[in-house]
C-alpha atoms as a PDB file:
ATOM      1  CA  UNK A   1      88.620   6.242  39.952  1.00  0.00           C
ATOM      2  CA  UNK A   2      88.972   4.961  43.725  1.00  0.00           C
ATOM      3  CA  UNK A   3      85.834   3.389  45.368  1.00  0.00           C
ATOM      4  CA  UNK A   4      84.230   5.897  47.658  1.00  0.00           C
ATOM      5  CA  UNK A   5      84.431   3.634  50.525  1.00  0.00           C
ATOM      6  CA  UNK A   6      88.442   3.552  50.162  1.00  0.00           C
ATOM      7  CA  UNK A   7      88.537   7.552  50.210  1.00  0.00           C
ATOM      8  CA  UNK A   8      85.947   7.501  52.900  1.00  0.00           C
ATOM      9  CA  UNK A   9      88.327   5.251  55.368  1.00  0.00           C
ATOM     10  CA  UNK A  10      91.480   7.367  54.389  1.00  0.00           C
ATOM     11  CA  UNK A  11      89.509  10.598  55.674  1.00  0.00           C
ATOM     12  CA  UNK A  12      88.380   8.397  58.561  1.00  0.00           C
ATOM     13  CA  UNK A  13      91.951   7.267  59.396  1.00  0.00           C
ATOM     14  CA  UNK A  14      93.064  10.816  59.082  1.00  0.00           C
ATOM     15  CA  UNK A  15      90.589  12.417  61.707  1.00  0.00           C
ATOM     16  CA  UNK A  16      91.833   9.377  63.970  1.00  0.00           C
ATOM     17  CA  UNK A  17      95.471  10.268  63.748  1.00  0.00           C
ATOM     18  CA  UNK A  18      94.628  13.903  64.462  1.00  0.00           C
ATOM     19  CA  UNK A  19      92.487  13.035  67.409  1.00  0.00           C
ATOM     20  CA  UNK A  20      95.166  10.588  69.316  1.00  0.00           C
ATOM     21  CA  UNK A  21      98.097  12.749  68.240  1.00  0.00           C
ATOM     22  CA  UNK A  22      98.731  14.733  71.327  1.00  0.00           C
ATOM     23  CA  UNK A  23      98.117  11.319  73.372  1.00  0.00           C
ATOM     24  CA  UNK A  24     100.531   9.543  71.361  1.00  0.00           C
ATOM     25  CA  UNK A  25     103.056  12.145  71.668  1.00  0.00           C
ATOM     26  CA  UNK A  26     102.694  12.161  75.350  1.00  0.00           C
ATOM     27  CA  UNK A  27     103.285   8.298  75.637  1.00  0.00           C
ATOM     28  CA  UNK A  28     106.190   8.164  73.277  1.00  0.00           C
ATOM     29  CA  UNK A  29     107.848  10.868  75.125  1.00  0.00           C
ATOM     30  CA  UNK A  30     107.302   9.381  78.767  1.00  0.00           C
ATOM     31  CA  UNK A  31     108.362   5.929  77.199  1.00  0.00           C
ATOM     32  CA  UNK A  32     104.897   4.314  78.237  1.00  0.00           C
ATOM     33  CA  UNK A  33     104.690   1.746  75.664  1.00  0.00           C
ATOM     34  CA  UNK A  34     101.841  -0.190  77.260  1.00  0.00           C
ATOM     35  CA  UNK A  35      99.472   2.685  77.408  1.00  0.00           C
ATOM     36  CA  UNK A  36     100.548   3.426  73.606  1.00  0.00           C
ATOM     37  CA  UNK A  37      99.399  -0.203  72.910  1.00  0.00           C
ATOM     38  CA  UNK A  38      95.736   1.043  74.100  1.00  0.00           C
ATOM     39  CA  UNK A  39      95.578   3.729  71.143  1.00  0.00           C
ATOM     40  CA  UNK A  40      93.738   2.112  67.924  1.00  0.00           C
ATOM     41  CA  UNK A  41      96.099   1.080  65.129  1.00  0.00           C
ATOM     42  CA  UNK A  42      94.674   3.265  62.826  1.00  0.00           C
ATOM     43  CA  UNK A  43      95.571   6.469  65.042  1.00  0.00           C
ATOM     44  CA  UNK A  44      99.296   5.589  63.766  1.00  0.00           C
ATOM     45  CA  UNK A  45     100.384   8.220  61.251  1.00  0.00           C
ATOM     46  CA  UNK A  46     102.004   5.687  59.434  1.00  0.00           C
ATOM     47  CA  UNK A  47      98.972   4.033  58.321  1.00  0.00           C
ATOM     48  CA  UNK A  48      97.875   7.086  56.204  1.00  0.00           C
ATOM     49  CA  UNK A  49      98.146   6.947  52.454  1.00  0.00           C
ATOM     50  CA  UNK A  50      98.613   9.874  50.108  1.00  0.00           C
ATOM     51  CA  UNK A  51      95.578   9.890  47.436  1.00  0.00           C
ATOM     52  CA  UNK A  52      94.367  12.329  44.769  1.00  0.00           C
ATOM     53  CA  UNK A  53      91.979  14.885  46.107  1.00  0.00           C
ATOM     54  CA  UNK A  54      89.916  14.420  42.687  1.00  0.00           C
ATOM     55  CA  UNK A  55      90.072  10.776  41.816  1.00  0.00           C
ATOM     56  CA  UNK A  56      91.327   9.231  44.827  1.00  0.00           C
ATOM     57  CA  UNK A  57      93.913   7.425  43.184  1.00  0.00           C
ATOM     58  CA  UNK A  58      97.045   6.074  45.372  1.00  0.00           C
ATOM     59  CA  UNK A  59      99.852   5.729  42.810  1.00  0.00           C
ATOM     60  CA  UNK A  60     101.650   8.577  41.041  1.00  0.00           C
ATOM     61  CA  UNK A  61     100.897  11.278  43.809  1.00  0.00           C
ATOM     62  CA  UNK A  62     102.538  14.698  43.371  1.00  0.00           C
ATOM     63  CA  UNK A  63     102.908  15.958  47.281  1.00  0.00           C
ATOM     64  CA  UNK A  64     103.229  19.797  46.387  1.00  0.00           C
ATOM     65  CA  UNK A  65      99.624  19.691  44.665  1.00  0.00           C
ATOM     66  CA  UNK A  66      98.030  17.008  46.122  1.00  0.00           C
ATOM     67  CA  UNK A  67      97.052  15.434  42.935  1.00  0.00           C
ATOM     68  CA  UNK A  68      97.837  12.412  40.757  1.00  0.00           C
ATOM     69  CA  UNK A  69     100.238  12.529  37.914  1.00  0.00           C
ATOM     70  CA  UNK A  70      97.098  12.378  35.303  1.00  0.00           C
ATOM     71  CA  UNK A  71      94.997  14.762  36.669  1.00  0.00           C
ATOM     72  CA  UNK A  72      97.912  17.124  37.459  1.00  0.00           C
ATOM     73  CA  UNK A  73      98.834  16.938  33.621  1.00  0.00           C
ATOM     74  CA  UNK A  74      94.917  17.539  32.662  1.00  0.00           C
ATOM     75  CA  UNK A  75      94.763  20.505  34.741  1.00  0.00           C
ATOM     76  CA  UNK A  76      98.032  22.027  33.999  1.00  0.00           C
ATOM     77  CA  UNK A  77      97.108  21.957  30.242  1.00  0.00           C
ATOM     78  CA  UNK A  78      93.959  23.284  30.723  1.00  0.00           C
ATOM     79  CA  UNK A  79      95.744  26.418  32.741  1.00  0.00           C
ATOM     80  CA  UNK A  80      93.767  25.623  35.917  1.00  0.00           C
ATOM     81  CA  UNK A  81      96.730  25.197  38.212  1.00  0.00           C
ATOM     82  CA  UNK A  82      98.429  28.856  38.910  1.00  0.00           C
ATOM     83  CA  UNK A  83     101.931  29.089  38.035  1.00  0.00           C
ATOM     84  CA  UNK A  84     102.357  25.843  35.959  1.00  0.00           C
ATOM     85  CA  UNK A  85     102.599  26.034  32.438  1.00  0.00           C
ATOM     86  CA  UNK A  86     103.938  23.479  29.900  1.00  0.00           C
ATOM     87  CA  UNK A  87     107.567  23.481  29.178  1.00  0.00           C
ATOM     88  CA  UNK A  88     108.817  24.282  25.439  1.00  0.00           C
ATOM     89  CA  UNK A  89     112.116  25.015  24.081  1.00  0.00           C
END
């Protein structure tokens, strides 16, 4: 389980990216790189990192479900994810 501060930091970054997205796009379109330097570093979408919605685990993230592989397997086994079931042949 990730520390609460790490999860909170990612949420804060996501909000910052959303807030500056229009301004950032405008500056990039104009080629105004001096003005782009005035935007905070954490407003860059490259700095976002995908994390599991439940545990906050940064590795083994499954983008389609928003979960780590471990949580995905547990939830799929319990039947909590619609349309997903264990394969058997």
